Amino acid sequence: MGLPRIRRDRHGHGLRTSVAPPDSPLSRSRAQRFDDLVIETIDRLDQRWRDQLSKVEFAVEDVPTLDDWTHNWVPLARAFAATGALPARIVVFRRPIETRTKNHDQTRELLRDVVAEQVAEMFGTEPQEVDPSYGSGHTS
């Protein structure tokens, strides 16, 4: 048996690797960067809503399952009340949010509004009460 064959690209070069170092933000996948934005958004809200949010589980899914969805539009997130052993949870859908934004800052702004809406729905309040910057388009 000979040596294993090295696969090269069509120009005869070796396999390409990421230009960014492994520990830099650029080396993270789009999904990982989105997860980071969700955590940032929750942490930002958590300062004002610590007690209420400690009982809520947050999750990110790529796309929604529309089996029990009766509307003719795609949700950006969904809030689910606690049932039995399952805690209350808010699920954010990455792809529908990303397709509605052009860059990282717009994604952050939309995500903040979406999470504020879901938390407000869960606790029976207005999104502006959950996040005073709701709807303002500011990334502060």
Foldseek 3Di string as FASTA:
>chain_A
DDDDDADDPPVPHHDDDDPDPCPDPVVDDPVVVLVVLLVVLCVVLCVVVVVPCVQEAEEEDQADDCPPPDDPDGDQKAWDPADDPRTTYIYGHNNVLVVVDDDDLSSSLVSNQSVLPRVCVRVVHDSCVSPVCHPVSDPD
